[in-house]
Amino acid sequence: MKTLLNIIWLVLSGFWLFLGYMLAAAVMFILIVTIPWGIAAARIGVYALWPFGREVVNRPDSGVGALLGNIIWVVLAGWWLALEHIITGVLLCVTIIGIPLGFASFKLVPVALMPLGKVIVDRP
């Protein structure tokens, strides 16, 4: 079931969300100082491409540095990536088939806002 959901997700929204994250990553890499945020954007972008069967969990060793980095991230790129997830989620929820995908997009909003201090793991 998760493979079918991932394929539908990829076609309807995953690819476009992935491109948004890769654009954010490219901008962060170009600015040099923001390379750690670029790595986080690329990591979450790959997750947004194929999300079902994986989940985001908090890293137990993240601390104040991750919090401060997330505050900078929200200002630089997090808010428009979160907005991208909200708009995508609303559009997906218009159809019955898209409702689970819309909820998945809404689940990615906190990750889009605060990607540092999180790790993506396979769900058993």
PDB file of N, CA and C in Angstrom:
ATOM      1  N   MET A   1       0.811  -1.188   0.000  1.00  0.00           N
ATOM      2  CA  MET A   1       0.000   0.000   0.000  1.00  0.00           C
ATOM      3  C   MET A   1       0.864   1.266   0.000  1.00  0.00           C
ATOM      4  N   LYS A   2       1.975   1.225   0.771  1.00  0.00           N
ATOM      5  CA  LYS A   2       2.808   2.426   0.829  1.00  0.00           C
ATOM      6  C   LYS A   2       3.471   2.719  -0.520  1.00  0.00           C
ATOM      7  N   THR A   3       3.761   1.675  -1.304  1.00  0.00           N
ATOM      8  CA  THR A   3       4.348   1.903  -2.625  1.00  0.00           C
ATOM      9  C   THR A   3       3.339   2.593  -3.538  1.00  0.00           C
ATOM     10  N   LEU A   4       2.093   2.162  -3.483  1.00  0.00           N
ATOM     11  CA  LEU A   4       1.045   2.789  -4.288  1.00  0.00           C
ATOM     12  C   LEU A   4       0.849   4.241  -3.870  1.00  0.00           C
ATOM     13  N   LEU A   5       0.803   4.492  -2.576  1.00  0.00           N
ATOM     14  CA  LEU A   5       0.665   5.870  -2.092  1.00  0.00           C
ATOM     15  C   LEU A   5       1.855   6.720  -2.511  1.00  0.00           C
ATOM     16  N   ASN A   6       3.063   6.162  -2.450  1.00  0.00           N
ATOM     17  CA  ASN A   6       4.255   6.908  -2.864  1.00  0.00           C
ATOM     18  C   ASN A   6       4.221   7.241  -4.350  1.00  0.00           C
ATOM     19  N   ILE A   7       3.743   6.316  -5.172  1.00  0.00           N
ATOM     20  CA  ILE A   7       3.674   6.583  -6.622  1.00  0.00           C
ATOM     21  C   ILE A   7       2.655   7.677  -6.908  1.00  0.00           C
ATOM     22  N   ILE A   8       1.480   7.589  -6.277  1.00  0.00           N
ATOM     23  CA  ILE A   8       0.458   8.633  -6.472  1.00  0.00           C
ATOM     24  C   ILE A   8       0.981   9.969  -5.951  1.00  0.00           C
ATOM     25  N   TRP A   9       1.632   9.933  -4.791  1.00  0.00           N
ATOM     26  CA  TRP A   9       2.216  11.151  -4.206  1.00  0.00           C
ATOM     27  C   TRP A   9       3.241  11.775  -5.147  1.00  0.00           C
ATOM     28  N   LEU A  10       4.112  10.939  -5.704  1.00  0.00           N
ATOM     29  CA  LEU A  10       5.159  11.418  -6.600  1.00  0.00           C
ATOM     30  C   LEU A  10       4.559  12.133  -7.800  1.00  0.00           C
ATOM     31  N   VAL A  11       3.524  11.553  -8.370  1.00  0.00           N
ATOM     32  CA  VAL A  11       2.901  12.126  -9.572  1.00  0.00           C
ATOM     33  C   VAL A  11       2.148  13.419  -9.243  1.00  0.00           C
ATOM     34  N   LEU A  12       1.385  13.417  -8.150  1.00  0.00           N
ATOM     35  CA  LEU A  12       0.524  14.559  -7.864  1.00  0.00           C
ATOM     36  C   LEU A  12       1.242  15.723  -7.181  1.00  0.00           C
ATOM     37  N   SER A  13       2.182  15.424  -6.295  1.00  0.00           N
ATOM     38  CA  SER A  13       2.785  16.545  -5.574  1.00  0.00           C
ATOM     39  C   SER A  13       4.247  16.357  -5.192  1.00  0.00           C
ATOM     40  N   GLY A  14       4.700  15.128  -5.046  1.00  0.00           N
ATOM     41  CA  GLY A  14       6.048  14.884  -4.542  1.00  0.00           C
ATOM     42  C   GLY A  14       7.144  15.500  -5.373  1.00  0.00           C
ATOM     43  N   PHE A  15       7.012  15.406  -6.681  1.00  0.00           N
ATOM     44  CA  PHE A  15       8.054  15.948  -7.551  1.00  0.00           C
ATOM     45  C   PHE A  15       8.158  17.459  -7.409  1.00  0.00           C
ATOM     46  N   TRP A  16       7.013  18.144  -7.319  1.00  0.00           N
ATOM     47  CA  TRP A  16       7.030  19.607  -7.226  1.00  0.00           C
ATOM     48  C   TRP A  16       7.543  20.068  -5.868  1.00  0.00           C
ATOM     49  N   LEU A  17       7.172  19.338  -4.822  1.00  0.00           N
ATOM     50  CA  LEU A  17       7.710  19.662  -3.504  1.00  0.00           C
ATOM     51  C   LEU A  17       9.220  19.438  -3.466  1.00  0.00           C
ATOM     52  N   PHE A  18       9.655  18.355  -4.076  1.00  0.00           N
ATOM     53  CA  PHE A  18      11.085  18.053  -4.174  1.00  0.00           C
ATOM     54  C   PHE A  18      11.825  19.192  -4.868  1.00  0.00           C
ATOM     55  N   LEU A  19      11.264  19.684  -5.963  1.00  0.00           N
ATOM     56  CA  LEU A  19      11.909  20.799  -6.673  1.00  0.00           C
ATOM     57  C   LEU A  19      12.002  22.050  -5.805  1.00  0.00           C
ATOM     58  N   GLY A  20      10.975  22.320  -5.009  1.00  0.00           N
ATOM     59  CA  GLY A  20      11.011  23.467  -4.101  1.00  0.00           C
ATOM     60  C   GLY A  20      12.125  23.338  -3.073  1.00  0.00           C
ATOM     61  N   TYR A  21      12.261  22.143  -2.518  1.00  0.00           N
ATOM     62  CA  TYR A  21      13.341  21.914  -1.551  1.00  0.00           C
ATOM     63  C   TYR A  21      14.712  22.003  -2.211  1.00  0.00           C
ATOM     64  N   MET A  22      14.838  21.489  -3.424  1.00  0.00           N
ATOM     65  CA  MET A  22      16.124  21.547  -4.109  1.00  0.00           C
ATOM     66  C   MET A  22      16.485  22.991  -4.476  1.00  0.00           C
ATOM     67  N   LEU A  23      15.488  23.806  -4.803  1.00  0.00           N
ATOM     68  CA  LEU A  23      15.738  25.230  -5.046  1.00  0.00           C
ATOM     69  C   LEU A  23      16.253  25.892  -3.774  1.00  0.00           C
ATOM     70  N   ALA A  24      15.601  25.587  -2.643  1.00  0.00           N
ATOM     71  CA  ALA A  24      16.061  26.138  -1.365  1.00  0.00           C
ATOM     72  C   ALA A  24      17.470  25.661  -1.054  1.00  0.00           C
ATOM     73  N   ALA A  25      17.755  24.382  -1.302  1.00  0.00           N
ATOM     74  CA  ALA A  25      19.096  23.844  -1.052  1.00  0.00           C
ATOM     75  C   ALA A  25      20.127  24.531  -1.938  1.00  0.00           C
ATOM     76  N   ALA A  26      19.798  24.746  -3.203  1.00  0.00           N
ATOM     77  CA  ALA A  26      20.733  25.394  -4.122  1.00  0.00           C
ATOM     78  C   ALA A  26      21.057  26.814  -3.665  1.00  0.00           C
ATOM     79  N   VAL A  27      20.023  27.545  -3.230  1.00  0.00           N
ATOM     80  CA  VAL A  27      20.258  28.910  -2.737  1.00  0.00           C
ATOM     81  C   VAL A  27      21.148  28.877  -1.505  1.00  0.00           C
ATOM     82  N   MET A  28      20.884  27.933  -0.605  1.00  0.00           N
ATOM     83  CA  MET A  28      21.696  27.829   0.610  1.00  0.00           C
ATOM     84  C   MET A  28      23.141  27.449   0.290  1.00  0.00           C
ATOM     85  N   PHE A  29      23.347  26.576  -0.693  1.00  0.00           N
ATOM     86  CA  PHE A  29      24.710  26.202  -1.073  1.00  0.00           C
ATOM     87  C   PHE A  29      25.444  27.368  -1.731  1.00  0.00           C
ATOM     88  N   ILE A  30      24.737  28.164  -2.508  1.00  0.00           N
ATOM     89  CA  ILE A  30      25.362  29.311  -3.173  1.00  0.00           C
ATOM     90  C   ILE A  30      25.834  30.339  -2.147  1.00  0.00           C
ATOM     91  N   LEU A  31      25.070  30.511  -1.080  1.00  0.00           N
ATOM     92  CA  LEU A  31      25.410  31.512  -0.073  1.00  0.00           C
ATOM     93  C   LEU A  31      26.559  31.086   0.854  1.00  0.00           C
ATOM     94  N   ILE A  32      27.071  29.885   0.700  1.00  0.00           N
ATOM     95  CA  ILE A  32      28.221  29.315   1.398  1.00  0.00           C
ATOM     96  C   ILE A  32      28.020  29.234   2.927  1.00  0.00           C
ATOM     97  N   VAL A  33      27.726  30.324   3.583  1.00  0.00           N
ATOM     98  CA  VAL A  33      27.576  30.318   5.034  1.00  0.00           C
ATOM     99  C   VAL A  33      26.384  29.443   5.449  1.00  0.00           C
ATOM    100  N   THR A  34      25.422  29.303   4.577  1.00  0.00           N
ATOM    101  CA  THR A  34      24.190  28.581   4.897  1.00  0.00           C
ATOM    102  C   THR A  34      24.201  27.132   4.391  1.00  0.00           C
ATOM    103  N   ILE A  35      25.376  26.580   4.157  1.00  0.00           N
ATOM    104  CA  ILE A  35      25.477  25.203   3.664  1.00  0.00           C
ATOM    105  C   ILE A  35      24.802  24.188   4.603  1.00  0.00           C
ATOM    106  N   PRO A  36      24.897  24.305   5.924  1.00  0.00           N
ATOM    107  CA  PRO A  36      24.177  23.336   6.773  1.00  0.00           C
ATOM    108  C   PRO A  36      22.668  23.325   6.517  1.00  0.00           C
ATOM    109  N   TRP A  37      22.102  24.491   6.234  1.00  0.00           N
ATOM    110  CA  TRP A  37      20.674  24.542   5.914  1.00  0.00           C
ATOM    111  C   TRP A  37      20.401  23.938   4.540  1.00  0.00           C
ATOM    112  N   GLY A  38      21.347  24.070   3.631  1.00  0.00           N
ATOM    113  CA  GLY A  38      21.212  23.443   2.320  1.00  0.00           C
ATOM    114  C   GLY A  38      21.197  21.921   2.425  1.00  0.00           C
ATOM    115  N   ILE A  39      22.037  21.384   3.302  1.00  0.00           N
ATOM    116  CA  ILE A  39      22.045  19.934   3.515  1.00  0.00           C
ATOM    117  C   ILE A  39      20.715  19.483   4.104  1.00  0.00           C
ATOM    118  N   ALA A  40      20.199  20.233   5.064  1.00  0.00           N
ATOM    119  CA  ALA A  40      18.902  19.890   5.664  1.00  0.00           C
ATOM    120  C   ALA A  40      17.781  19.978   4.626  1.00  0.00           C
ATOM    121  N   ALA A  41      17.826  20.989   3.767  1.00  0.00           N
ATOM    122  CA  ALA A  41      16.796  21.131   2.730  1.00  0.00           C
ATOM    123  C   ALA A  41      16.848  19.968   1.747  1.00  0.00           C
ATOM    124  N   ALA A  42      18.036  19.545   1.370  1.00  0.00           N
ATOM    125  CA  ALA A  42      18.166  18.410   0.455  1.00  0.00           C
ATOM    126  C   ALA A  42      17.674  17.124   1.109  1.00  0.00           C
ATOM    127  N   ARG A  43      17.979  16.937   2.378  1.00  0.00           N
ATOM    128  CA  ARG A  43      17.543  15.734   3.103  1.00  0.00           C
ATOM    129  C   ARG A  43      16.015  15.679   3.188  1.00  0.00           C
ATOM    130  N   ILE A  44      15.392  16.780   3.550  1.00  0.00           N
ATOM    131  CA  ILE A  44      13.930  16.814   3.662  1.00  0.00           C
ATOM    132  C   ILE A  44      13.302  16.753   2.270  1.00  0.00           C
ATOM    133  N   GLY A  45      13.975  17.300   1.267  1.00  0.00           N
ATOM    134  CA  GLY A  45      13.460  17.222  -0.111  1.00  0.00           C
ATOM    135  C   GLY A  45      13.377  15.803  -0.620  1.00  0.00           C
ATOM    136  N   VAL A  46      14.391  14.999  -0.314  1.00  0.00           N
ATOM    137  CA  VAL A  46      14.356  13.585  -0.714  1.00  0.00           C
ATOM    138  C   VAL A  46      13.236  12.864   0.038  1.00  0.00           C
ATOM    139  N   TYR A  47      13.035  13.224   1.296  1.00  0.00           N
ATOM    140  CA  TYR A  47      11.930  12.642   2.064  1.00  0.00           C
ATOM    141  C   TYR A  47      10.581  13.057   1.471  1.00  0.00           C
ATOM    142  N   ALA A  48      10.454  14.309   1.046  1.00  0.00           N
ATOM    143  CA  ALA A  48       9.206  14.785   0.457  1.00  0.00           C
ATOM    144  C   ALA A  48       8.929  14.130  -0.895  1.00  0.00           C
ATOM    145  N   LEU A  49       9.951  13.609  -1.528  1.00  0.00           N
ATOM    146  CA  LEU A  49       9.778  12.920  -2.806  1.00  0.00           C
ATOM    147  C   LEU A  49       9.121  11.553  -2.622  1.00  0.00           C
ATOM    148  N   TRP A  50       9.402  10.848  -1.524  1.00  0.00           N
ATOM    149  CA  TRP A  50       8.930   9.464  -1.308  1.00  0.00           C
ATOM    150  C   TRP A  50       8.688   9.283   0.201  1.00  0.00           C
ATOM    151  N   PRO A  51       7.620   9.866   0.784  1.00  0.00           N
ATOM    152  CA  PRO A  51       7.491   9.923   2.244  1.00  0.00           C
ATOM    153  C   PRO A  51       6.870   8.696   2.927  1.00  0.00           C
ATOM    154  N   PHE A  52       6.043   7.951   2.233  1.00  0.00           N
ATOM    155  CA  PHE A  52       5.333   6.863   2.899  1.00  0.00           C
ATOM    156  C   PHE A  52       6.276   5.705   3.193  1.00  0.00           C
ATOM    157  N   GLY A  53       6.190   5.178   4.409  1.00  0.00           N
ATOM    158  CA  GLY A  53       7.095   4.125   4.844  1.00  0.00           C
ATOM    159  C   GLY A  53       8.284   4.659   5.615  1.00  0.00           C
ATOM    160  N   ARG A  54       8.370   5.966   5.763  1.00  0.00           N
ATOM    161  CA  ARG A  54       9.434   6.590   6.551  1.00  0.00           C
ATOM    162  C   ARG A  54       8.803   7.612   7.469  1.00  0.00           C
ATOM    163  N   GLU A  55       9.521   8.004   8.483  1.00  0.00           N
ATOM    164  CA  GLU A  55       9.012   9.027   9.383  1.00  0.00           C
ATOM    165  C   GLU A  55      10.148   9.902   9.890  1.00  0.00           C
ATOM    166  N   VAL A  56       9.783  11.060  10.369  1.00  0.00           N
ATOM    167  CA  VAL A  56      10.751  12.015  10.908  1.00  0.00           C
ATOM    168  C   VAL A  56      10.686  11.933  12.425  1.00  0.00           C
ATOM    169  N   VAL A  57      11.841  11.758  13.054  1.00  0.00           N
ATOM    170  CA  VAL A  57      11.913  11.715  14.517  1.00  0.00           C
ATOM    171  C   VAL A  57      12.938  12.750  14.988  1.00  0.00           C
ATOM    172  N   ASN A  58      12.736  13.218  16.203  1.00  0.00           N
ATOM    173  CA  ASN A  58      13.665  14.188  16.785  1.00  0.00           C
ATOM    174  C   ASN A  58      14.956  13.494  17.193  1.00  0.00           C
ATOM    175  N   ARG A  59      16.062  14.141  16.935  1.00  0.00           N
ATOM    176  CA  ARG A  59      17.359  13.627  17.392  1.00  0.00           C
ATOM    177  C   ARG A  59      17.508  13.965  18.868  1.00  0.00           C
ATOM    178  N   PRO A  60      17.858  12.987  19.677  1.00  0.00           N
ATOM    179  CA  PRO A  60      17.968  13.260  21.115  1.00  0.00           C
ATOM    180  C   PRO A  60      19.154  14.161  21.477  1.00  0.00           C
ATOM    181  N   ASP A  61      20.152  14.232  20.603  1.00  0.00           N
ATOM    182  CA  ASP A  61      21.334  15.029  20.919  1.00  0.00           C
ATOM    183  C   ASP A  61      21.270  16.455  20.366  1.00  0.00           C
ATOM    184  N   SER A  62      20.152  16.837  19.762  1.00  0.00           N
ATOM    185  CA  SER A  62      20.061  18.209  19.246  1.00  0.00           C
ATOM    186  C   SER A  62      19.762  19.148  20.411  1.00  0.00           C
ATOM    187  N   GLY A  63      20.294  20.338  20.302  1.00  0.00           N
ATOM    188  CA  GLY A  63      20.159  21.268  21.417  1.00  0.00           C
ATOM    189  C   GLY A  63      19.837  22.676  20.956  1.00  0.00           C
ATOM    190  N   VAL A  64      20.456  23.613  21.621  1.00  0.00           N
ATOM    191  CA  VAL A  64      20.203  25.024  21.360  1.00  0.00           C
ATOM    192  C   VAL A  64      20.655  25.418  19.955  1.00  0.00           C
ATOM    193  N   GLY A  65      21.724  24.802  19.476  1.00  0.00           N
ATOM    194  CA  GLY A  65      22.208  25.108  18.124  1.00  0.00           C
ATOM    195  C   GLY A  65      21.172  24.791  17.068  1.00  0.00           C
ATOM    196  N   ALA A  66      20.487  23.661  17.222  1.00  0.00           N
ATOM    197  CA  ALA A  66      19.432  23.299  16.279  1.00  0.00           C
ATOM    198  C   ALA A  66      18.272  24.286  16.371  1.00  0.00           C
ATOM    199  N   LEU A  67      17.935  24.708  17.580  1.00  0.00           N
ATOM    200  CA  LEU A  67      16.852  25.680  17.749  1.00  0.00           C
ATOM    201  C   LEU A  67      17.198  27.007  17.085  1.00  0.00           C
ATOM    202  N   LEU A  68      18.403  27.500  17.311  1.00  0.00           N
ATOM    203  CA  LEU A  68      18.815  28.761  16.683  1.00  0.00           C
ATOM    204  C   LEU A  68      18.899  28.623  15.165  1.00  0.00           C
ATOM    205  N   GLY A  69      19.411  27.483  14.704  1.00  0.00           N
ATOM    206  CA  GLY A  69      19.455  27.233  13.266  1.00  0.00           C
ATOM    207  C   GLY A  69      18.072  27.171  12.645  1.00  0.00           C
ATOM    208  N   ASN A  70      17.115  26.585  13.368  1.00  0.00           N
ATOM    209  CA  ASN A  70      15.743  26.526  12.858  1.00  0.00           C
ATOM    210  C   ASN A  70      15.097  27.907  12.780  1.00  0.00           C
ATOM    211  N   ILE A  71      15.426  28.774  13.723  1.00  0.00           N
ATOM    212  CA  ILE A  71      14.890  30.142  13.677  1.00  0.00           C
ATOM    213  C   ILE A  71      15.416  30.852  12.434  1.00  0.00           C
ATOM    214  N   ILE A  72      16.696  30.712  12.154  1.00  0.00           N
ATOM    215  CA  ILE A  72      17.265  31.310  10.933  1.00  0.00           C
ATOM    216  C   ILE A  72      16.630  30.676   9.693  1.00  0.00           C
ATOM    217  N   TRP A  73      16.439  29.351   9.732  1.00  0.00           N
ATOM    218  CA  TRP A  73      15.834  28.625   8.601  1.00  0.00           C
ATOM    219  C   TRP A  73      14.432  29.149   8.286  1.00  0.00           C
ATOM    220  N   VAL A  74      13.617  29.386   9.314  1.00  0.00           N
ATOM    221  CA  VAL A  74      12.246  29.881   9.088  1.00  0.00           C
ATOM    222  C   VAL A  74      12.283  31.201   8.335  1.00  0.00           C
ATOM    223  N   VAL A  75      13.214  32.068   8.696  1.00  0.00           N
ATOM    224  CA  VAL A  75      13.318  33.368   8.033  1.00  0.00           C
ATOM    225  C   VAL A  75      13.793  33.212   6.595  1.00  0.00           C
ATOM    226  N   LEU A  76      14.782  32.339   6.375  1.00  0.00           N
ATOM    227  CA  LEU A  76      15.370  32.204   5.039  1.00  0.00           C
ATOM    228  C   LEU A  76      14.482  31.441   4.061  1.00  0.00           C
ATOM    229  N   ALA A  77      13.977  30.284   4.446  1.00  0.00           N
ATOM    230  CA  ALA A  77      13.261  29.451   3.477  1.00  0.00           C
ATOM    231  C   ALA A  77      12.110  28.650   4.067  1.00  0.00           C
ATOM    232  N   GLY A  78      12.073  28.464   5.354  1.00  0.00           N
ATOM    233  CA  GLY A  78      11.085  27.580   5.959  1.00  0.00           C
ATOM    234  C   GLY A  78       9.653  28.015   5.756  1.00  0.00           C
ATOM    235  N   TRP A  79       9.418  29.312   5.838  1.00  0.00           N
ATOM    236  CA  TRP A  79       8.030  29.776   5.734  1.00  0.00           C
ATOM    237  C   TRP A  79       7.444  29.513   4.365  1.00  0.00           C
ATOM    238  N   TRP A  80       8.225  29.692   3.274  1.00  0.00           N
ATOM    239  CA  TRP A  80       7.629  29.476   1.951  1.00  0.00           C
ATOM    240  C   TRP A  80       7.550  27.991   1.608  1.00  0.00           C
ATOM    241  N   LEU A  81       8.413  27.166   2.182  1.00  0.00           N
ATOM    242  CA  LEU A  81       8.275  25.723   1.990  1.00  0.00           C
ATOM    243  C   LEU A  81       7.072  25.196   2.765  1.00  0.00           C
ATOM    244  N   ALA A  82       6.837  25.723   3.964  1.00  0.00           N
ATOM    245  CA  ALA A  82       5.646  25.338   4.730  1.00  0.00           C
ATOM    246  C   ALA A  82       4.381  25.786   4.000  1.00  0.00           C
ATOM    247  N   LEU A  83       4.419  26.976   3.436  1.00  0.00           N
ATOM    248  CA  LEU A  83       3.272  27.460   2.651  1.00  0.00           C
ATOM    249  C   LEU A  83       3.031  26.573   1.442  1.00  0.00           C
ATOM    250  N   GLU A  84       4.098  26.094   0.822  1.00  0.00           N
ATOM    251  CA  GLU A  84       3.981  25.171  -0.308  1.00  0.00           C
ATOM    252  C   GLU A  84       3.273  23.883   0.133  1.00  0.00           C
ATOM    253  N   HIS A  85       3.600  23.380   1.311  1.00  0.00           N
ATOM    254  CA  HIS A  85       2.939  22.179   1.823  1.00  0.00           C
ATOM    255  C   HIS A  85       1.475  22.432   2.152  1.00  0.00           C
ATOM    256  N   ILE A  86       1.165  23.590   2.703  1.00  0.00           N
ATOM    257  CA  ILE A  86      -0.224  23.909   3.040  1.00  0.00           C
ATOM    258  C   ILE A  86      -1.067  24.022   1.779  1.00  0.00           C
ATOM    259  N   ILE A  87      -0.574  24.736   0.781  1.00  0.00           N
ATOM    260  CA  ILE A  87      -1.317  24.883  -0.483  1.00  0.00           C
ATOM    261  C   ILE A  87      -1.487  23.524  -1.154  1.00  0.00           C
ATOM    262  N   THR A  88      -0.430  22.726  -1.189  1.00  0.00           N
ATOM    263  CA  THR A  88      -0.505  21.391  -1.784  1.00  0.00           C
ATOM    264  C   THR A  88      -1.498  20.522  -1.025  1.00  0.00           C
ATOM    265  N   GLY A  89      -1.478  20.574   0.298  1.00  0.00           N
ATOM    266  CA  GLY A  89      -2.401  19.777   1.105  1.00  0.00           C
ATOM    267  C   GLY A  89      -3.849  20.147   0.857  1.00  0.00           C
ATOM    268  N   VAL A  90      -4.128  21.435   0.762  1.00  0.00           N
ATOM    269  CA  VAL A  90      -5.497  21.877   0.489  1.00  0.00           C
ATOM    270  C   VAL A  90      -5.939  21.402  -0.890  1.00  0.00           C
ATOM    271  N   LEU A  91      -5.084  21.536  -1.880  1.00  0.00           N
ATOM    272  CA  LEU A  91      -5.449  21.096  -3.230  1.00  0.00           C
ATOM    273  C   LEU A  91      -5.632  19.586  -3.300  1.00  0.00           C
ATOM    274  N   LEU A  92      -4.831  18.829  -2.583  1.00  0.00           N
ATOM    275  CA  LEU A  92      -4.980  17.379  -2.585  1.00  0.00           C
ATOM    276  C   LEU A  92      -6.256  16.945  -1.878  1.00  0.00           C
ATOM    277  N   CYS A  93      -6.666  17.671  -0.850  1.00  0.00           N
ATOM    278  CA  CYS A  93      -7.869  17.305  -0.095  1.00  0.00           C
ATOM    279  C   CYS A  93      -9.162  17.581  -0.860  1.00  0.00           C
ATOM    280  N   VAL A  94      -9.084  18.209  -2.017  1.00  0.00           N
ATOM    281  CA  VAL A  94     -10.279  18.480  -2.818  1.00  0.00           C
ATOM    282  C   VAL A  94     -10.884  17.181  -3.343  1.00  0.00           C
ATOM    283  N   THR A  95     -10.051  16.188  -3.621  1.00  0.00           N
ATOM    284  CA  THR A  95     -10.555  14.908  -4.128  1.00  0.00           C
ATOM    285  C   THR A  95     -10.509  13.861  -3.017  1.00  0.00           C
ATOM    286  N   ILE A  96     -11.342  12.849  -3.136  1.00  0.00           N
ATOM    287  CA  ILE A  96     -11.382  11.787  -2.127  1.00  0.00           C
ATOM    288  C   ILE A  96     -10.076  11.007  -2.114  1.00  0.00           C
ATOM    289  N   ILE A  97      -9.535  10.701  -3.280  1.00  0.00           N
ATOM    290  CA  ILE A  97      -8.283   9.951  -3.352  1.00  0.00           C
ATOM    291  C   ILE A  97      -7.126  10.765  -2.777  1.00  0.00           C
ATOM    292  N   GLY A  98      -7.203  12.074  -2.897  1.00  0.00           N
ATOM    293  CA  GLY A  98      -6.110  12.926  -2.439  1.00  0.00           C
ATOM    294  C   GLY A  98      -6.123  13.241  -0.956  1.00  0.00           C
ATOM    295  N   ILE A  99      -7.180  12.878  -0.231  1.00  0.00           N
ATOM    296  CA  ILE A  99      -7.262  13.233   1.191  1.00  0.00           C
ATOM    297  C   ILE A  99      -6.105  12.657   2.010  1.00  0.00           C
ATOM    298  N   PRO A 100      -5.758  11.353   1.892  1.00  0.00           N
ATOM    299  CA  PRO A 100      -4.607  10.879   2.670  1.00  0.00           C
ATOM    300  C   PRO A 100      -3.305  11.572   2.275  1.00  0.00           C
ATOM    301  N   LEU A 101      -3.194  11.921   0.999  1.00  0.00           N
ATOM    302  CA  LEU A 101      -1.992  12.627   0.546  1.00  0.00           C
ATOM    303  C   LEU A 101      -1.970  14.051   1.080  1.00  0.00           C
ATOM    304  N   GLY A 102      -3.136  14.681   1.156  1.00  0.00           N
ATOM    305  CA  GLY A 102      -3.225  16.021   1.730  1.00  0.00           C
ATOM    306  C   GLY A 102      -2.818  16.036   3.191  1.00  0.00           C
ATOM    307  N   PHE A 103      -3.271  15.020   3.936  1.00  0.00           N
ATOM    308  CA  PHE A 103      -2.863  14.919   5.339  1.00  0.00           C
ATOM    309  C   PHE A 103      -1.357  14.685   5.461  1.00  0.00           C
ATOM    310  N   ALA A 104      -0.797  13.915   4.554  1.00  0.00           N
ATOM    311  CA  ALA A 104       0.659  13.701   4.559  1.00  0.00           C
ATOM    312  C   ALA A 104       1.390  15.012   4.294  1.00  0.00           C
ATOM    313  N   SER A 105       0.839  15.830   3.413  1.00  0.00           N
ATOM    314  CA  SER A 105       1.457  17.123   3.134  1.00  0.00           C
ATOM    315  C   SER A 105       1.372  18.029   4.359  1.00  0.00           C
ATOM    316  N   PHE A 106       0.233  18.000   5.063  1.00  0.00           N
ATOM    317  CA  PHE A 106       0.102  18.788   6.280  1.00  0.00           C
ATOM    318  C   PHE A 106       1.074  18.307   7.364  1.00  0.00           C
ATOM    319  N   LYS A 107       1.364  16.996   7.404  1.00  0.00           N
ATOM    320  CA  LYS A 107       2.315  16.460   8.371  1.00  0.00           C
ATOM    321  C   LYS A 107       3.728  16.958   8.122  1.00  0.00           C
ATOM    322  N   LEU A 108       4.017  17.365   6.887  1.00  0.00           N
ATOM    323  CA  LEU A 108       5.354  17.853   6.553  1.00  0.00           C
ATOM    324  C   LEU A 108       5.555  19.337   6.880  1.00  0.00           C
ATOM    325  N   VAL A 109       4.492  20.047   7.250  1.00  0.00           N
ATOM    326  CA  VAL A 109       4.622  21.477   7.559  1.00  0.00           C
ATOM    327  C   VAL A 109       5.579  21.711   8.729  1.00  0.00           C
ATOM    328  N   PRO A 110       5.446  21.006   9.872  1.00  0.00           N
ATOM    329  CA  PRO A 110       6.420  21.247  10.953  1.00  0.00           C
ATOM    330  C   PRO A 110       7.859  20.903  10.552  1.00  0.00           C
ATOM    331  N   VAL A 111       8.014  19.903   9.698  1.00  0.00           N
ATOM    332  CA  VAL A 111       9.358  19.536   9.240  1.00  0.00           C
ATOM    333  C   VAL A 111       9.919  20.632   8.341  1.00  0.00           C
ATOM    334  N   ALA A 112       9.059  21.212   7.507  1.00  0.00           N
ATOM    335  CA  ALA A 112       9.499  22.303   6.632  1.00  0.00           C
ATOM    336  C   ALA A 112       9.899  23.526   7.444  1.00  0.00           C
ATOM    337  N   LEU A 113       9.246  23.747   8.571  1.00  0.00           N
ATOM    338  CA  LEU A 113       9.566  24.902   9.401  1.00  0.00           C
ATOM    339  C   LEU A 113      10.786  24.672  10.285  1.00  0.00           C
ATOM    340  N   MET A 114      10.978  23.455  10.767  1.00  0.00           N
ATOM    341  CA  MET A 114      12.055  23.161  11.709  1.00  0.00           C
ATOM    342  C   MET A 114      12.788  21.872  11.325  1.00  0.00           C
ATOM    343  N   PRO A 115      13.631  21.887  10.275  1.00  0.00           N
ATOM    344  CA  PRO A 115      14.274  20.648   9.827  1.00  0.00           C
ATOM    345  C   PRO A 115      15.507  20.235  10.626  1.00  0.00           C
ATOM    346  N   LEU A 116      16.145  21.162  11.301  1.00  0.00           N
ATOM    347  CA  LEU A 116      17.362  20.821  12.036  1.00  0.00           C
ATOM    348  C   LEU A 116      17.003  20.126  13.344  1.00  0.00           C
ATOM    349  N   GLY A 117      17.795  19.139  13.708  1.00  0.00           N
ATOM    350  CA  GLY A 117      17.516  18.386  14.911  1.00  0.00           C
ATOM    351  C   GLY A 117      16.553  17.232  14.689  1.00  0.00           C
ATOM    352  N   LYS A 118      16.320  16.896  13.431  1.00  0.00           N
ATOM    353  CA  LYS A 118      15.437  15.794  13.076  1.00  0.00           C
ATOM    354  C   LYS A 118      16.192  14.816  12.181  1.00  0.00           C
ATOM    355  N   VAL A 119      15.767  13.574  12.201  1.00  0.00           N
ATOM    356  CA  VAL A 119      16.353  12.547  11.358  1.00  0.00           C
ATOM    357  C   VAL A 119      15.212  11.728  10.756  1.00  0.00           C
ATOM    358  N   ILE A 120      15.424  11.246   9.522  1.00  0.00           N
ATOM    359  CA  ILE A 120      14.418  10.461   8.825  1.00  0.00           C
ATOM    360  C   ILE A 120      14.796   8.986   8.962  1.00  0.00           C
ATOM    361  N   VAL A 121      13.838   8.190   9.435  1.00  0.00           N
ATOM    362  CA  VAL A 121      14.077   6.763   9.630  1.00  0.00           C
ATOM    363  C   VAL A 121      13.001   5.968   8.895  1.00  0.00           C
ATOM    364  N   ASP A 122      13.347   4.725   8.535  1.00  0.00           N
ATOM    365  CA  ASP A 122      12.369   3.834   7.925  1.00  0.00           C
ATOM    366  C   ASP A 122      11.408   3.354   8.988  1.00  0.00           C
ATOM    367  N   ARG A 123      10.141   3.317   8.622  1.00  0.00           N
ATOM    368  CA  ARG A 123       9.125   2.818   9.539  1.00  0.00           C
ATOM    369  C   ARG A 123       9.076   1.298   9.412  1.00  0.00           C
ATOM    370  N   PRO A 124       9.038   0.610  10.549  1.00  0.00           N
ATOM    371  CA  PRO A 124       9.030  -0.867  10.478  1.00  0.00           C
ATOM    372  C   PRO A 124       7.730  -1.424   9.911  1.00  0.00           C
TER     373      PRO A 124
END
